[in-house]
Amino acid sequence: MEKKLIKPAKLASLSRSQVREN
C-alpha cells in the first residue's frame, strides 16, 4: 500500500527531474 502511494509521487518527481535535466 505504501509503495503504491509513493510510486505516483516518485514517478512525478522523477519525470519532472528528467525533463528538467534534459
N, C-alpha and C. Protein backbone atom coordinates (compact mmCIF):
# COMPACT_ATOMS: atom_id res chain seq x y z
N MET A 1 0.85 -1.20 0.00
CA MET A 1 0.00 0.00 0.00
C MET A 1 0.89 1.25 0.00
N GLU A 2 1.88 1.26 0.86
CA GLU A 2 2.76 2.44 0.92
C GLU A 2 3.53 2.61 -0.39
N LYS A 3 3.93 1.50 -0.94
CA LYS A 3 4.71 1.59 -2.20
C LYS A 3 3.85 2.18 -3.31
N LYS A 4 2.60 1.80 -3.33
CA LYS A 4 1.72 2.31 -4.41
C LYS A 4 1.52 3.82 -4.25
N LEU A 5 1.47 4.27 -3.02
CA LEU A 5 1.25 5.72 -2.78
C LEU A 5 2.53 6.48 -3.14
N ILE A 6 3.65 5.86 -2.87
CA ILE A 6 4.94 6.53 -3.17
C ILE A 6 5.25 6.43 -4.67
N LYS A 7 4.71 5.43 -5.31
CA LYS A 7 5.01 5.23 -6.75
C LYS A 7 4.60 6.47 -7.58
N PRO A 8 3.37 6.88 -7.51
CA PRO A 8 2.92 8.05 -8.28
C PRO A 8 3.70 9.30 -7.91
N ALA A 9 3.93 9.48 -6.66
CA ALA A 9 4.66 10.69 -6.22
C ALA A 9 6.10 10.63 -6.73
N LYS A 10 6.70 9.46 -6.63
CA LYS A 10 8.11 9.33 -7.09
C LYS A 10 8.16 9.45 -8.61
N LEU A 11 7.19 8.88 -9.28
CA LEU A 11 7.18 8.94 -10.75
C LEU A 11 7.07 10.40 -11.20
N ALA A 12 6.22 11.14 -10.55
CA ALA A 12 6.04 12.56 -10.93
C ALA A 12 7.35 13.31 -10.65
N SER A 13 7.96 13.00 -9.54
CA SER A 13 9.21 13.69 -9.18
C SER A 13 10.31 13.31 -10.18
N LEU A 14 10.37 12.04 -10.51
CA LEU A 14 11.41 11.58 -11.45
C LEU A 14 11.15 12.17 -12.83
N SER A 15 9.90 12.17 -13.23
CA SER A 15 9.54 12.70 -14.56
C SER A 15 9.94 14.18 -14.63
N ARG A 16 9.66 14.90 -13.58
CA ARG A 16 9.97 16.37 -13.59
C ARG A 16 11.50 16.52 -13.57
N SER A 17 12.16 15.70 -12.81
CA SER A 17 13.64 15.82 -12.71
C SER A 17 14.26 15.48 -14.06
N GLN A 18 13.73 14.47 -14.71
CA GLN A 18 14.31 14.06 -16.01
C GLN A 18 14.04 15.14 -17.05
N VAL A 19 12.86 15.67 -17.05
CA VAL A 19 12.52 16.70 -18.06
C VAL A 19 13.37 17.95 -17.81
N ARG A 20 13.63 18.24 -16.57
CA ARG A 20 14.43 19.46 -16.26
C ARG A 20 15.89 19.19 -16.64
N GLU A 21 16.36 18.01 -16.38
CA GLU A 21 17.78 17.71 -16.69
C GLU A 21 17.96 17.69 -18.20
N ASN A 22 17.00 17.14 -18.90
CA ASN A 22 17.13 17.04 -20.38
C ASN A 22 16.78 18.40 -20.95
